[in-house]
Amino acid sequence: MRILIVDDCGTTRRILRTIARSRDWTICGEAESGRSGIREFQRVKPDVVLIDLAMPDINGIETAKRMSILNPNVPLILFTVLNADGLVDAAQEAGISSIVSKAQAWDLIGTIENAEQRMRDALSQQNRDTNPS
């Protein structure tokens, strides 16, 4: 599982790297802003993206919208301390598949595992569709 981290906080990125190492996942890229995250998304072609909501240039919702246009098949997980009214609706409209609170960082493991299983299921279905018995 190749993961792109888009978060302006170095401490958060370090914690996410630790979680990834504990599961033998690969951090294929990191970005400190939405714009640099979009560039990394295009460059590294991740399996999953972890996106912070509040960033200095464009926020996580706008970042996710732009990433979804580039590749709607990559699961985007909003990893945030904020829980504003309307966040769930805005996140879903932007193409975000899950929201995980930074207060429950270890919940992120199950969320990424679910995204990984959905990817495997989609590939399996794609193989059945292209190679019917």
Protein backbone atom coordinates (compact mmCIF):
# COMPACT_ATOMS: atom_id res chain seq x y z
CA MET A 1 0.00 0.00 0.00
CA ARG A 2 1.52 3.28 -1.18
CA ILE A 3 0.38 6.28 0.86
CA LEU A 4 0.71 10.01 0.16
CA ILE A 5 0.56 12.30 3.22
CA VAL A 6 -0.63 15.90 2.73
CA ASP A 7 -0.36 17.76 6.04
CA ASP A 8 1.39 20.98 7.02
CA CYS A 9 2.35 19.66 10.47
CA GLY A 10 5.69 17.84 10.63
CA THR A 11 4.74 16.07 13.86
CA THR A 12 1.60 14.65 12.27
CA ARG A 13 3.56 13.44 9.25
CA ARG A 14 6.06 11.75 11.58
CA ILE A 15 3.22 9.99 13.48
CA LEU A 16 1.69 8.84 10.19
CA ARG A 17 5.07 7.48 9.05
CA THR A 18 5.28 5.50 12.32
CA ILE A 19 1.80 4.07 11.80
CA ALA A 20 2.65 3.15 8.21
CA ARG A 21 5.88 1.40 9.24
CA SER A 22 3.96 -0.61 11.85
CA ARG A 23 1.81 -2.04 9.02
CA ASP A 24 4.54 -2.41 6.35
CA TRP A 25 2.91 0.31 4.24
CA THR A 26 5.03 2.64 2.12
CA ILE A 27 4.92 6.42 2.37
CA CYS A 28 5.48 7.24 -1.30
CA GLY A 29 5.33 11.01 -0.81
CA GLU A 30 4.71 13.86 1.58
CA ALA A 31 3.51 17.41 1.07
CA GLU A 32 3.15 20.39 3.40
CA SER A 33 0.39 22.13 1.43
CA GLY A 34 -2.57 21.37 -0.80
CA ARG A 35 -0.88 22.61 -3.96
CA SER A 36 2.30 20.61 -3.38
CA GLY A 37 0.09 17.65 -2.44
CA ILE A 38 -1.62 17.79 -5.83
CA ARG A 39 1.78 17.85 -7.55
CA GLU A 40 2.93 14.85 -5.50
CA PHE A 41 -0.35 13.05 -6.25
CA GLN A 42 0.36 13.34 -9.96
CA ARG A 43 4.02 12.39 -9.55
CA VAL A 44 3.88 9.39 -7.18
CA LYS A 45 0.45 7.93 -8.10
CA PRO A 46 -0.44 6.71 -4.58
CA ASP A 47 -2.90 3.99 -3.61
CA VAL A 48 -4.33 6.13 -0.76
CA VAL A 49 -4.02 9.79 0.25
CA LEU A 50 -4.21 11.15 3.81
CA ILE A 51 -5.21 14.83 3.73
CA ASP A 52 -5.34 17.42 6.50
CA LEU A 53 -8.25 19.86 6.41
CA ALA A 54 -6.55 23.10 7.49
CA MET A 55 -3.48 23.95 5.41
CA PRO A 56 -1.81 27.25 4.53
CA ASP A 57 -2.67 27.53 0.83
CA ILE A 58 -5.74 25.53 -0.18
CA ASN A 59 -7.68 23.46 2.33
CA GLY A 60 -8.09 19.70 2.33
CA ILE A 61 -11.56 19.83 0.76
CA GLU A 62 -10.34 21.77 -2.27
CA THR A 63 -7.22 19.59 -2.47
CA ALA A 64 -9.41 16.47 -2.51
CA LYS A 65 -11.69 17.92 -5.21
CA ARG A 66 -8.72 18.51 -7.48
CA MET A 67 -7.25 15.07 -6.77
CA SER A 68 -10.63 13.42 -7.44
CA ILE A 69 -10.74 15.06 -10.86
CA LEU A 70 -7.27 13.70 -11.64
CA ASN A 71 -8.07 10.17 -10.43
CA PRO A 72 -11.43 9.40 -8.82
CA ASN A 73 -10.35 5.82 -7.99
CA VAL A 74 -7.79 6.73 -5.32
CA PRO A 75 -9.29 6.69 -1.80
CA LEU A 76 -8.89 10.07 -0.10
CA ILE A 77 -8.97 10.07 3.70
CA LEU A 78 -9.45 13.36 5.55
CA PHE A 79 -7.33 13.23 8.72
CA THR A 80 -8.23 16.25 10.81
CA VAL A 81 -8.63 17.65 14.29
CA LEU A 82 -11.52 19.85 13.12
CA ASN A 83 -15.13 18.71 13.11
CA ALA A 84 -17.13 21.59 11.68
CA ASP A 85 -20.81 21.53 10.79
CA GLY A 86 -21.27 20.40 7.21
CA LEU A 87 -17.81 18.82 7.06
CA VAL A 88 -19.11 15.35 6.20
CA ASP A 89 -21.25 16.64 3.32
CA ALA A 90 -18.46 18.84 1.94
CA ALA A 91 -15.97 15.98 2.24
CA GLN A 92 -18.22 13.54 0.39
CA GLU A 93 -18.87 16.06 -2.37
CA ALA A 94 -15.09 16.50 -2.73
CA GLY A 95 -14.55 12.76 -3.19
CA ILE A 96 -13.29 11.99 0.29
CA SER A 97 -14.10 8.41 1.22
CA SER A 98 -13.49 8.64 5.01
CA ILE A 99 -12.89 11.14 7.79
CA VAL A 100 -10.67 10.18 10.73
CA SER A 101 -10.07 12.39 13.75
CA LYS A 102 -6.45 13.08 14.65
CA ALA A 103 -7.49 12.34 18.24
CA GLN A 104 -8.01 8.72 17.16
CA ALA A 105 -4.91 8.30 14.98
CA TRP A 106 -4.82 4.53 15.44
CA ASP A 107 -8.34 4.29 13.93
CA LEU A 108 -6.60 5.24 10.72
CA ILE A 109 -5.23 1.68 10.43
CA GLY A 110 -8.71 0.16 9.97
CA THR A 111 -9.70 2.92 7.56
CA ILE A 112 -6.66 2.31 5.36
CA GLU A 113 -7.15 -1.47 5.55
CA ASN A 114 -10.75 -0.99 4.36
CA ALA A 115 -9.54 1.14 1.44
CA GLU A 116 -6.94 -1.52 0.61
CA GLN A 117 -9.63 -4.25 0.59
CA ARG A 118 -11.92 -2.15 -1.64
CA MET A 119 -9.01 -1.72 -4.08
CA ARG A 120 -8.37 -5.48 -4.14
CA ASP A 121 -12.07 -6.17 -4.67
CA ALA A 122 -12.24 -3.65 -7.54
CA LEU A 123 -9.17 -5.19 -9.20
CA SER A 124 -10.59 -8.67 -8.79
CA GLN A 125 -13.89 -7.56 -10.35
CA GLN A 126 -12.01 -5.83 -13.16
CA ASN A 127 -10.08 -9.06 -13.84
CA ARG A 128 -13.32 -11.08 -13.91
CA ASP A 129 -14.85 -8.55 -16.31
CA THR A 130 -11.88 -8.65 -18.71
CA ASN A 131 -11.27 -12.41 -18.44
CA PRO A 132 -14.70 -14.08 -18.27
CA SER A 133 -14.67 -17.87 -17.88
